[in-house]
Amino acid sequence: MKRPALCVIPLLFTLILSGCSVGLNRENIDLGIDPDPLGFNYDINEETGAVTFTIPSHTLVFSNKAGAVGATVQGYSIEYYDSSGNPLFPGDHVVNSQGSLNVYVPPGVSCDEPDPERGCRFYDEGARFARSPVVTSPSSFLMPISIAAADFDLLFSGGANGAYGDVYLYGVNDNLVKFRSGPYQIAVQVPVGE
């Protein structure tokens, strides 16, 4: 009777460890955008009243905290909300990258002589925990015109400025564990740059 109980302990230990690796990776990738913040500019034609939006492109900036496992960020989704937490564009307030990002964020480790092909790994001689090098995504438009127009309409109908985007990252870490992070909250500024 005691033998089956002993078999359960390694199984529980394995489940706990696999759960930790997912949790660790989700919390250890830092995210920024360049240029910061998200936002848009607008121009109103005085004769026609037509509004033209200018939305800058951005790159996503990633790094891993010290001791974090490396990960490939395969994509992202951004959910846009107004200052009250309601979807900014009813019906479709989510922007998805369609899994096309595929940016590798190195592990949070450094060493004296990194391999030129693979960088540093935890088992390398002289390895120590350190923030990973910063990596960036290709430049893309993170805010569609429909979201900018919805925010513009809200602002000019007396709504409060304070829209934001919740960014979720998804991918797989070096332990082949899939993850979905976040949310990382990013403010929307109108007009951008002021």
N, C-alpha and C. Protein backbone atom coordinates (compact mmCIF):
# COMPACT_ATOMS: atom_id res chain seq x y z
N MET A 1 0.81 -1.20 0.00
CA MET A 1 0.00 0.00 0.00
C MET A 1 0.85 1.26 0.00
N LYS A 2 2.01 1.22 0.61
CA LYS A 2 2.84 2.41 0.68
C LYS A 2 3.47 2.75 -0.67
N ARG A 3 3.70 1.79 -1.51
CA ARG A 3 4.36 2.03 -2.78
C ARG A 3 3.58 2.98 -3.69
N PRO A 4 2.26 2.83 -3.87
CA PRO A 4 1.54 3.79 -4.71
C PRO A 4 1.63 5.22 -4.18
N ALA A 5 1.63 5.40 -2.88
CA ALA A 5 1.73 6.75 -2.31
C ALA A 5 3.05 7.39 -2.69
N LEU A 6 4.14 6.61 -2.72
CA LEU A 6 5.44 7.13 -3.11
C LEU A 6 5.45 7.55 -4.57
N CYS A 7 4.71 6.87 -5.40
CA CYS A 7 4.65 7.22 -6.82
C CYS A 7 3.94 8.55 -7.05
N VAL A 8 3.03 8.88 -6.17
CA VAL A 8 2.28 10.12 -6.32
C VAL A 8 3.17 11.34 -6.05
N ILE A 9 4.11 11.24 -5.13
CA ILE A 9 4.96 12.37 -4.78
C ILE A 9 5.77 12.87 -5.97
N PRO A 10 6.49 12.01 -6.73
CA PRO A 10 7.22 12.53 -7.90
C PRO A 10 6.28 13.15 -8.93
N LEU A 11 5.08 12.57 -9.09
CA LEU A 11 4.12 13.13 -10.05
C LEU A 11 3.70 14.53 -9.62
N LEU A 12 3.39 14.71 -8.33
CA LEU A 12 3.01 16.03 -7.84
C LEU A 12 4.16 17.02 -7.99
N PHE A 13 5.38 16.57 -7.67
CA PHE A 13 6.55 17.44 -7.80
C PHE A 13 6.74 17.89 -9.25
N THR A 14 6.55 16.98 -10.21
CA THR A 14 6.67 17.30 -11.64
C THR A 14 5.60 18.30 -12.06
N LEU A 15 4.38 18.11 -11.60
CA LEU A 15 3.30 19.05 -11.94
C LEU A 15 3.57 20.43 -11.37
N ILE A 16 4.08 20.49 -10.14
CA ILE A 16 4.37 21.78 -9.52
C ILE A 16 5.47 22.49 -10.29
N LEU A 17 6.53 21.76 -10.66
CA LEU A 17 7.62 22.37 -11.41
C LEU A 17 7.17 22.86 -12.78
N SER A 18 6.36 22.07 -13.47
CA SER A 18 5.91 22.52 -14.80
C SER A 18 5.02 23.74 -14.67
N GLY A 19 4.21 23.82 -13.62
CA GLY A 19 3.39 25.01 -13.39
C GLY A 19 4.25 26.23 -13.09
N CYS A 20 5.35 26.03 -12.37
CA CYS A 20 6.23 27.15 -12.05
C CYS A 20 6.91 27.70 -13.28
N SER A 21 7.33 26.83 -14.18
CA SER A 21 8.04 27.33 -15.36
C SER A 21 7.13 28.20 -16.22
N VAL A 22 5.86 27.88 -16.28
CA VAL A 22 4.93 28.74 -17.03
C VAL A 22 4.79 30.07 -16.32
N GLY A 23 4.59 30.05 -15.00
CA GLY A 23 4.42 31.28 -14.24
C GLY A 23 5.65 32.16 -14.26
N LEU A 24 6.83 31.55 -14.15
CA LEU A 24 8.06 32.34 -14.15
C LEU A 24 8.22 33.09 -15.46
N ASN A 25 8.02 32.40 -16.57
CA ASN A 25 8.25 33.05 -17.86
C ASN A 25 7.26 34.18 -18.10
N ARG A 26 6.02 34.00 -17.69
CA ARG A 26 5.02 35.04 -17.93
C ARG A 26 5.36 36.34 -17.21
N GLU A 27 6.00 36.24 -16.07
CA GLU A 27 6.25 37.42 -15.27
C GLU A 27 7.62 38.04 -15.52
N ASN A 28 8.49 37.39 -16.25
CA ASN A 28 9.87 37.84 -16.34
C ASN A 28 10.24 38.60 -17.61
N ILE A 29 9.40 38.63 -18.60
CA ILE A 29 9.69 39.40 -19.81
C ILE A 29 9.20 40.83 -19.58
N ASP A 30 10.12 41.78 -19.73
CA ASP A 30 9.73 43.19 -19.66
C ASP A 30 9.38 43.66 -21.07
N LEU A 31 8.37 44.51 -21.18
CA LEU A 31 7.90 44.99 -22.47
C LEU A 31 7.88 46.51 -22.48
N GLY A 32 8.36 47.09 -23.55
CA GLY A 32 8.27 48.53 -23.78
C GLY A 32 7.94 48.76 -25.25
N ILE A 33 7.66 49.99 -25.60
CA ILE A 33 7.43 50.33 -27.01
C ILE A 33 8.31 51.52 -27.38
N ASP A 34 8.65 51.60 -28.63
CA ASP A 34 9.48 52.70 -29.13
C ASP A 34 8.89 53.16 -30.46
N PRO A 35 8.51 54.42 -30.61
CA PRO A 35 8.51 55.45 -29.57
C PRO A 35 7.37 55.23 -28.58
N ASP A 36 7.57 55.77 -27.40
CA ASP A 36 6.58 55.66 -26.34
C ASP A 36 5.90 57.01 -26.21
N PRO A 37 4.63 57.15 -26.07
CA PRO A 37 3.58 56.17 -25.86
C PRO A 37 2.88 55.82 -27.16
N LEU A 38 1.85 54.95 -27.03
CA LEU A 38 0.92 54.74 -28.14
C LEU A 38 0.11 56.02 -28.30
N GLY A 39 -0.40 56.23 -29.46
CA GLY A 39 -1.24 57.40 -29.66
C GLY A 39 -1.40 57.75 -31.12
N PHE A 40 -1.97 58.91 -31.35
CA PHE A 40 -2.18 59.36 -32.72
C PHE A 40 -2.32 60.88 -32.72
N ASN A 41 -2.13 61.44 -33.89
CA ASN A 41 -2.39 62.86 -34.12
C ASN A 41 -3.56 62.96 -35.09
N TYR A 42 -4.20 64.09 -35.11
CA TYR A 42 -5.34 64.26 -36.02
C TYR A 42 -5.31 65.67 -36.60
N ASP A 43 -5.95 65.80 -37.75
CA ASP A 43 -6.10 67.10 -38.40
C ASP A 43 -7.54 67.20 -38.88
N ILE A 44 -8.19 68.32 -38.55
CA ILE A 44 -9.58 68.53 -38.96
C ILE A 44 -9.60 69.55 -40.09
N ASN A 45 -10.13 69.14 -41.23
CA ASN A 45 -10.27 70.04 -42.37
C ASN A 45 -11.33 71.09 -42.02
N GLU A 46 -10.96 72.36 -42.03
CA GLU A 46 -11.88 73.42 -41.62
C GLU A 46 -13.07 73.57 -42.56
N GLU A 47 -12.87 73.27 -43.82
CA GLU A 47 -13.97 73.43 -44.79
C GLU A 47 -14.95 72.27 -44.73
N THR A 48 -14.44 71.05 -44.70
CA THR A 48 -15.32 69.88 -44.77
C THR A 48 -15.61 69.25 -43.42
N GLY A 49 -14.76 69.51 -42.44
CA GLY A 49 -14.92 68.87 -41.13
C GLY A 49 -14.37 67.45 -41.09
N ALA A 50 -13.77 67.00 -42.20
CA ALA A 50 -13.21 65.65 -42.25
C ALA A 50 -11.97 65.57 -41.34
N VAL A 51 -11.84 64.42 -40.69
CA VAL A 51 -10.72 64.20 -39.77
C VAL A 51 -9.74 63.23 -40.42
N THR A 52 -8.47 63.61 -40.38
CA THR A 52 -7.41 62.73 -40.87
C THR A 52 -6.55 62.34 -39.68
N PHE A 53 -6.27 61.03 -39.57
CA PHE A 53 -5.46 60.52 -38.46
C PHE A 53 -4.06 60.18 -38.94
N THR A 54 -3.08 60.47 -38.11
CA THR A 54 -1.70 60.05 -38.34
C THR A 54 -1.30 59.18 -37.16
N ILE A 55 -0.98 57.93 -37.46
CA ILE A 55 -0.64 56.97 -36.42
C ILE A 55 0.79 56.51 -36.65
N PRO A 56 1.69 56.72 -35.68
CA PRO A 56 3.08 56.30 -35.87
C PRO A 56 3.23 54.78 -35.75
N SER A 57 4.25 54.26 -36.41
CA SER A 57 4.57 52.84 -36.22
C SER A 57 5.47 52.71 -34.99
N HIS A 58 5.47 51.54 -34.41
CA HIS A 58 6.23 51.28 -33.19
C HIS A 58 6.99 49.96 -33.31
N THR A 59 8.01 49.83 -32.51
CA THR A 59 8.64 48.54 -32.30
C THR A 59 8.38 48.14 -30.85
N LEU A 60 8.22 46.85 -30.63
CA LEU A 60 8.10 46.33 -29.27
C LEU A 60 9.51 46.04 -28.78
N VAL A 61 9.79 46.38 -27.55
CA VAL A 61 11.12 46.23 -26.95
C VAL A 61 11.01 45.21 -25.82
N PHE A 62 11.83 44.15 -25.88
CA PHE A 62 11.77 43.07 -24.90
C PHE A 62 13.11 42.90 -24.19
N SER A 63 13.05 42.48 -22.94
CA SER A 63 14.23 41.98 -22.23
C SER A 63 13.74 41.02 -21.15
N ASN A 64 14.61 40.13 -20.73
CA ASN A 64 14.29 39.18 -19.67
C ASN A 64 14.94 39.63 -18.39
N LYS A 65 14.25 39.45 -17.28
CA LYS A 65 14.81 39.77 -15.98
C LYS A 65 15.90 38.75 -15.64
N ALA A 66 16.77 39.12 -14.71
CA ALA A 66 17.86 38.24 -14.29
C ALA A 66 17.32 36.89 -13.84
N GLY A 67 17.90 35.81 -14.36
CA GLY A 67 17.51 34.46 -13.98
C GLY A 67 16.36 33.88 -14.78
N ALA A 68 15.76 34.66 -15.67
CA ALA A 68 14.61 34.17 -16.44
C ALA A 68 15.05 33.26 -17.58
N VAL A 69 14.20 32.33 -17.91
CA VAL A 69 14.42 31.41 -19.02
C VAL A 69 14.20 32.17 -20.33
N GLY A 70 15.01 31.87 -21.35
CA GLY A 70 14.81 32.48 -22.67
C GLY A 70 13.46 32.09 -23.24
N ALA A 71 12.94 32.91 -24.15
CA ALA A 71 11.62 32.64 -24.71
C ALA A 71 11.51 33.24 -26.11
N THR A 72 10.72 32.59 -26.94
CA THR A 72 10.38 33.14 -28.25
C THR A 72 8.99 33.73 -28.15
N VAL A 73 8.89 35.05 -28.33
CA VAL A 73 7.59 35.72 -28.34
C VAL A 73 7.06 35.57 -29.76
N GLN A 74 6.03 34.75 -29.92
CA GLN A 74 5.50 34.46 -31.25
C GLN A 74 4.53 35.54 -31.73
N GLY A 75 3.87 36.19 -30.80
CA GLY A 75 2.90 37.21 -31.21
C GLY A 75 2.35 37.96 -30.02
N TYR A 76 1.38 38.82 -30.30
CA TYR A 76 0.77 39.63 -29.25
C TYR A 76 -0.68 39.87 -29.60
N SER A 77 -1.44 40.27 -28.60
CA SER A 77 -2.77 40.84 -28.83
C SER A 77 -2.88 42.07 -27.95
N ILE A 78 -3.59 43.07 -28.43
CA ILE A 78 -3.79 44.30 -27.67
C ILE A 78 -5.29 44.55 -27.58
N GLU A 79 -5.78 44.70 -26.36
CA GLU A 79 -7.19 45.01 -26.13
C GLU A 79 -7.26 46.48 -25.71
N TYR A 80 -8.02 47.28 -26.45
CA TYR A 80 -8.12 48.72 -26.19
C TYR A 80 -9.37 49.04 -25.38
N TYR A 81 -9.18 49.92 -24.37
CA TYR A 81 -10.26 50.31 -23.48
C TYR A 81 -10.28 51.82 -23.29
N ASP A 82 -11.48 52.35 -22.94
CA ASP A 82 -11.56 53.77 -22.59
C ASP A 82 -11.17 53.94 -21.13
N SER A 83 -11.22 55.16 -20.63
CA SER A 83 -10.77 55.45 -19.26
C SER A 83 -11.62 54.75 -18.20
N SER A 84 -12.83 54.32 -18.55
CA SER A 84 -13.71 53.62 -17.61
C SER A 84 -13.54 52.11 -17.66
N GLY A 85 -12.69 51.61 -18.57
CA GLY A 85 -12.48 50.17 -18.69
C GLY A 85 -13.43 49.48 -19.65
N ASN A 86 -14.19 50.26 -20.43
CA ASN A 86 -15.08 49.69 -21.44
C ASN A 86 -14.34 49.54 -22.75
N PRO A 87 -14.67 48.51 -23.55
CA PRO A 87 -14.01 48.36 -24.85
C PRO A 87 -14.10 49.66 -25.65
N LEU A 88 -12.97 50.08 -26.21
CA LEU A 88 -12.91 51.36 -26.92
C LEU A 88 -13.67 51.31 -28.23
N PHE A 89 -13.68 50.18 -28.87
CA PHE A 89 -14.34 50.04 -30.16
C PHE A 89 -15.27 48.84 -30.06
N PRO A 90 -16.54 49.06 -29.72
CA PRO A 90 -17.45 47.94 -29.47
C PRO A 90 -17.47 46.95 -30.63
N GLY A 91 -17.44 45.69 -30.26
CA GLY A 91 -17.50 44.63 -31.27
C GLY A 91 -16.14 44.09 -31.64
N ASP A 92 -15.14 44.96 -31.75
CA ASP A 92 -13.81 44.48 -32.13
C ASP A 92 -12.76 45.46 -31.62
N HIS A 93 -12.39 45.31 -30.36
CA HIS A 93 -11.42 46.21 -29.75
C HIS A 93 -10.06 45.55 -29.57
N VAL A 94 -9.86 44.40 -30.25
CA VAL A 94 -8.62 43.63 -30.08
C VAL A 94 -7.81 43.66 -31.37
N VAL A 95 -6.51 43.91 -31.24
CA VAL A 95 -5.58 43.87 -32.36
C VAL A 95 -4.68 42.66 -32.15
N ASN A 96 -4.58 41.79 -33.14
CA ASN A 96 -3.73 40.59 -33.04
C ASN A 96 -2.62 40.64 -34.07
N SER A 97 -1.47 40.07 -33.70
CA SER A 97 -0.34 40.04 -34.63
C SER A 97 -0.37 38.80 -35.52
N GLN A 98 -1.32 37.91 -35.32
CA GLN A 98 -1.46 36.70 -36.13
C GLN A 98 -0.25 35.78 -36.05
N GLY A 99 0.47 35.78 -34.93
CA GLY A 99 1.58 34.86 -34.70
C GLY A 99 2.80 35.10 -35.55
N SER A 100 2.95 36.31 -36.06
CA SER A 100 4.03 36.58 -37.00
C SER A 100 5.23 37.27 -36.37
N LEU A 101 5.28 37.40 -35.06
CA LEU A 101 6.36 38.15 -34.43
C LEU A 101 7.66 37.34 -34.36
N ASN A 102 7.65 36.23 -33.64
CA ASN A 102 8.79 35.31 -33.53
C ASN A 102 10.10 36.00 -33.19
N VAL A 103 10.11 36.72 -32.06
CA VAL A 103 11.31 37.40 -31.56
C VAL A 103 11.85 36.60 -30.38
N TYR A 104 13.13 36.23 -30.44
CA TYR A 104 13.73 35.47 -29.34
C TYR A 104 14.28 36.43 -28.29
N VAL A 105 13.84 36.24 -27.04
CA VAL A 105 14.33 37.03 -25.91
C VAL A 105 15.29 36.12 -25.14
N PRO A 106 16.59 36.45 -25.13
CA PRO A 106 17.58 35.58 -24.49
C PRO A 106 17.32 35.41 -22.99
N PRO A 107 17.89 34.35 -22.41
CA PRO A 107 17.71 34.15 -20.97
C PRO A 107 18.40 35.24 -20.17
N GLY A 108 17.99 35.37 -18.91
CA GLY A 108 18.57 36.37 -18.01
C GLY A 108 19.84 35.87 -17.38
N VAL A 109 20.88 35.73 -18.20
CA VAL A 109 22.16 35.22 -17.72
C VAL A 109 23.28 35.86 -18.55
N SER A 110 24.43 36.05 -17.93
CA SER A 110 25.60 36.53 -18.67
C SER A 110 26.77 35.62 -18.33
N CYS A 111 27.81 35.65 -19.16
CA CYS A 111 28.99 34.85 -18.92
C CYS A 111 30.20 35.59 -19.48
N ASP A 112 31.39 35.11 -19.12
CA ASP A 112 32.63 35.79 -19.51
C ASP A 112 32.90 35.70 -21.00
N GLU A 113 32.63 34.54 -21.58
CA GLU A 113 32.89 34.33 -23.00
C GLU A 113 31.67 33.74 -23.69
N PRO A 114 30.70 34.58 -24.07
CA PRO A 114 29.48 34.06 -24.71
C PRO A 114 29.78 33.46 -26.08
N ASP A 115 29.08 32.38 -26.38
CA ASP A 115 29.19 31.75 -27.68
C ASP A 115 28.58 32.69 -28.73
N PRO A 116 29.29 32.97 -29.85
CA PRO A 116 28.75 33.92 -30.83
C PRO A 116 27.44 33.46 -31.47
N GLU A 117 27.19 32.16 -31.50
CA GLU A 117 25.98 31.63 -32.15
C GLU A 117 24.78 31.58 -31.20
N ARG A 118 25.01 31.15 -29.97
CA ARG A 118 23.88 30.90 -29.05
C ARG A 118 23.88 31.79 -27.82
N GLY A 119 24.90 32.62 -27.63
CA GLY A 119 24.96 33.50 -26.46
C GLY A 119 25.30 32.73 -25.21
N CYS A 120 24.84 33.20 -24.06
CA CYS A 120 25.12 32.55 -22.77
C CYS A 120 23.97 31.64 -22.38
N ARG A 121 24.31 30.57 -21.69
CA ARG A 121 23.32 29.65 -21.12
C ARG A 121 23.65 29.48 -19.64
N PHE A 122 22.67 29.02 -18.88
CA PHE A 122 22.83 28.89 -17.44
C PHE A 122 23.96 27.93 -17.07
N TYR A 123 24.23 26.93 -17.89
CA TYR A 123 25.24 25.92 -17.57
C TYR A 123 26.64 26.29 -18.07
N ASP A 124 26.82 27.43 -18.74
CA ASP A 124 28.14 27.85 -19.22
C ASP A 124 29.05 28.21 -18.05
N GLU A 125 30.35 28.03 -18.24
CA GLU A 125 31.33 28.37 -17.21
C GLU A 125 31.27 29.88 -16.93
N GLY A 126 31.26 30.24 -15.68
CA GLY A 126 31.22 31.65 -15.29
C GLY A 126 29.85 32.30 -15.46
N ALA A 127 28.80 31.50 -15.70
CA ALA A 127 27.45 32.07 -15.89
C ALA A 127 26.95 32.68 -14.59
N ARG A 128 26.24 33.81 -14.72
CA ARG A 128 25.65 34.48 -13.57
C ARG A 128 24.36 35.17 -14.02
N PHE A 129 23.44 35.31 -13.08
CA PHE A 129 22.16 35.95 -13.40
C PHE A 129 22.38 37.42 -13.74
N ALA A 130 21.78 37.87 -14.81
CA ALA A 130 21.83 39.28 -15.23
C ALA A 130 20.69 39.53 -16.20
N ARG A 131 20.25 40.77 -16.30
CA ARG A 131 19.20 41.12 -17.27
C ARG A 131 19.69 40.77 -18.67
N SER A 132 18.79 40.25 -19.49
CA SER A 132 19.17 39.86 -20.85
C SER A 132 19.40 41.08 -21.72
N PRO A 133 20.09 40.91 -22.84
CA PRO A 133 20.18 42.02 -23.80
C PRO A 133 18.78 42.39 -24.31
N VAL A 134 18.63 43.64 -24.68
CA VAL A 134 17.36 44.13 -25.22
C VAL A 134 17.24 43.70 -26.68
N VAL A 135 16.07 43.21 -27.05
CA VAL A 135 15.78 42.85 -28.44
C VAL A 135 14.50 43.57 -28.86
N THR A 136 14.36 43.82 -30.16
CA THR A 136 13.20 44.55 -30.65
C THR A 136 12.50 43.77 -31.76
N SER A 137 11.23 44.06 -31.92
CA SER A 137 10.44 43.48 -32.99
C SER A 137 10.58 44.34 -34.24
N PRO A 138 10.15 43.81 -35.38
CA PRO A 138 10.05 44.69 -36.56
C PRO A 138 9.03 45.79 -36.29
N SER A 139 9.18 46.92 -36.95
CA SER A 139 8.26 48.04 -36.78
C SER A 139 6.89 47.68 -37.35
N SER A 140 5.84 48.06 -36.61
CA SER A 140 4.48 47.80 -37.08
C SER A 140 3.52 48.83 -36.50
N PHE A 141 2.32 48.85 -37.02
CA PHE A 141 1.28 49.76 -36.53
C PHE A 141 0.46 49.02 -35.49
N LEU A 142 0.56 49.45 -34.25
CA LEU A 142 -0.11 48.77 -33.14
C LEU A 142 -1.52 49.29 -32.90
N MET A 143 -1.87 50.42 -33.52
CA MET A 143 -3.20 50.99 -33.34
C MET A 143 -3.86 51.19 -34.70
N PRO A 144 -4.94 50.46 -34.98
CA PRO A 144 -5.64 50.68 -36.25
C PRO A 144 -6.42 52.00 -36.24
N ILE A 145 -6.74 52.48 -37.41
CA ILE A 145 -7.48 53.74 -37.53
C ILE A 145 -8.84 53.64 -36.85
N SER A 146 -9.47 52.47 -36.87
CA SER A 146 -10.79 52.33 -36.23
C SER A 146 -10.70 52.62 -34.72
N ILE A 147 -9.61 52.20 -34.08
CA ILE A 147 -9.43 52.46 -32.65
C ILE A 147 -9.16 53.96 -32.43
N ALA A 148 -8.31 54.55 -33.27
CA ALA A 148 -8.03 55.99 -33.16
C ALA A 148 -9.32 56.79 -33.34
N ALA A 149 -10.14 56.42 -34.32
CA ALA A 149 -11.39 57.14 -34.58
C ALA A 149 -12.35 57.01 -33.39
N ALA A 150 -12.42 55.81 -32.80
CA ALA A 150 -13.30 55.62 -31.64
C ALA A 150 -12.84 56.47 -30.47
N ASP A 151 -11.52 56.54 -30.23
CA ASP A 151 -10.99 57.36 -29.15
C ASP A 151 -11.24 58.84 -29.43
N PHE A 152 -11.05 59.26 -30.67
CA PHE A 152 -11.29 60.64 -31.08
C PHE A 152 -12.76 61.01 -30.83
N ASP A 153 -13.68 60.15 -31.25
CA ASP A 153 -15.11 60.40 -31.05
C ASP A 153 -15.44 60.51 -29.57
N LEU A 154 -14.84 59.66 -28.76
CA LEU A 154 -15.08 59.69 -27.32
C LEU A 154 -14.58 61.00 -26.72
N LEU A 155 -13.39 61.43 -27.12
CA LEU A 155 -12.83 62.67 -26.58
C LEU A 155 -13.66 63.89 -26.96
N PHE A 156 -14.13 63.92 -28.21
CA PHE A 156 -14.87 65.10 -28.67
C PHE A 156 -16.35 65.05 -28.34
N SER A 157 -16.79 63.97 -27.69
CA SER A 157 -18.16 63.95 -27.19
C SER A 157 -18.18 64.17 -25.68
N GLY A 158 -17.02 64.60 -25.14
CA GLY A 158 -16.95 64.93 -23.72
C GLY A 158 -16.40 63.83 -22.84
N GLY A 159 -15.93 62.73 -23.45
CA GLY A 159 -15.36 61.64 -22.65
C GLY A 159 -13.99 62.01 -22.11
N ALA A 160 -13.57 61.31 -21.09
CA ALA A 160 -12.28 61.58 -20.47
C ALA A 160 -11.15 60.97 -21.29
N ASN A 161 -10.04 61.71 -21.36
CA ASN A 161 -8.85 61.15 -21.97
C ASN A 161 -8.30 60.11 -21.01
N GLY A 162 -7.75 59.07 -21.48
CA GLY A 162 -7.24 58.02 -20.58
C GLY A 162 -7.40 56.64 -21.17
N ALA A 163 -7.54 56.57 -22.50
CA ALA A 163 -7.62 55.26 -23.14
C ALA A 163 -6.30 54.52 -22.92
N TYR A 164 -6.38 53.21 -22.95
CA TYR A 164 -5.17 52.40 -22.76
C TYR A 164 -5.32 51.08 -23.50
N GLY A 165 -4.20 50.42 -23.68
CA GLY A 165 -4.20 49.10 -24.28
C GLY A 165 -3.60 48.09 -23.33
N ASP A 166 -4.25 46.94 -23.19
CA ASP A 166 -3.69 45.81 -22.45
C ASP A 166 -3.02 44.90 -23.47
N VAL A 167 -1.70 44.73 -23.34
CA VAL A 167 -0.93 43.93 -24.29
C VAL A 167 -0.66 42.56 -23.67
N TYR A 168 -0.98 41.51 -24.42
CA TYR A 168 -0.70 40.14 -24.01
C TYR A 168 0.30 39.56 -25.00
N LEU A 169 1.35 38.93 -24.49
CA LEU A 169 2.33 38.26 -25.34
C LEU A 169 2.07 36.76 -25.28
N TYR A 170 2.35 36.06 -26.36
CA TYR A 170 2.26 34.60 -26.32
C TYR A 170 3.43 34.01 -27.10
N GLY A 171 3.79 32.81 -26.70
CA GLY A 171 4.91 32.14 -27.35
C GLY A 171 5.29 30.88 -26.62
N VAL A 172 6.59 30.54 -26.69
CA VAL A 172 7.10 29.32 -26.06
C VAL A 172 8.48 29.62 -25.47
N ASN A 173 8.74 29.09 -24.26
CA ASN A 173 10.04 29.35 -23.65
C ASN A 173 11.05 28.26 -24.01
N ASP A 174 12.28 28.40 -23.53
CA ASP A 174 13.34 27.44 -23.85
C ASP A 174 13.07 26.05 -23.30
N ASN A 175 12.15 25.92 -22.36
CA ASN A 175 11.75 24.61 -21.82
C ASN A 175 10.60 24.01 -22.62
N LEU A 176 10.27 24.64 -23.75
CA LEU A 176 9.18 24.22 -24.65
C LEU A 176 7.82 24.31 -23.98
N VAL A 177 7.68 25.24 -23.06
CA VAL A 177 6.40 25.49 -22.39
C VAL A 177 5.76 26.71 -23.03
N LYS A 178 4.52 26.54 -23.50
CA LYS A 178 3.79 27.67 -24.10
C LYS A 178 3.36 28.63 -23.00
N PHE A 179 3.30 29.92 -23.33
CA PHE A 179 2.87 30.91 -22.35
C PHE A 179 2.01 31.97 -23.01
N ARG A 180 1.22 32.62 -22.17
CA ARG A 180 0.49 33.84 -22.51
C ARG A 180 0.70 34.78 -21.34
N SER A 181 1.29 35.93 -21.59
CA SER A 181 1.66 36.84 -20.52
C SER A 181 0.61 37.90 -20.29
N GLY A 182 0.95 38.75 -19.34
CA GLY A 182 0.27 40.01 -19.24
C GLY A 182 -0.90 40.03 -18.29
N PRO A 183 -1.61 41.13 -18.38
CA PRO A 183 -1.44 42.17 -19.39
C PRO A 183 -0.39 43.20 -18.99
N TYR A 184 0.23 43.76 -20.00
CA TYR A 184 1.07 44.93 -19.84
C TYR A 184 0.20 46.11 -20.26
N GLN A 185 0.02 47.09 -19.39
CA GLN A 185 -0.87 48.21 -19.70
C GLN A 185 -0.07 49.37 -20.27
N ILE A 186 -0.51 49.86 -21.45
CA ILE A 186 0.17 50.96 -22.14
C ILE A 186 -0.85 52.06 -22.40
N ALA A 187 -0.52 53.28 -21.97
CA ALA A 187 -1.43 54.42 -22.14
C ALA A 187 -1.49 54.86 -23.59
N VAL A 188 -2.61 55.43 -23.97
CA VAL A 188 -2.79 56.03 -25.30
C VAL A 188 -2.82 57.54 -25.10
N GLN A 189 -1.99 58.25 -25.84
CA GLN A 189 -1.89 59.70 -25.70
C GLN A 189 -2.40 60.39 -26.96
N VAL A 190 -3.21 61.43 -26.77
CA VAL A 190 -3.76 62.20 -27.89
C VAL A 190 -3.61 63.68 -27.59
N PRO A 191 -2.97 64.46 -28.45
CA PRO A 191 -2.15 64.01 -29.57
C PRO A 191 -0.86 63.39 -29.05
N VAL A 192 -0.27 62.49 -29.82
CA VAL A 192 0.93 61.80 -29.40
C VAL A 192 2.11 62.78 -29.38
N GLY A 193 2.98 62.64 -28.41
CA GLY A 193 4.15 63.49 -28.35
C GLY A 193 3.97 64.76 -27.55
N GLU A 194 2.81 64.97 -26.95
CA GLU A 194 2.60 66.19 -26.15
C GLU A 194 2.30 65.85 -24.71
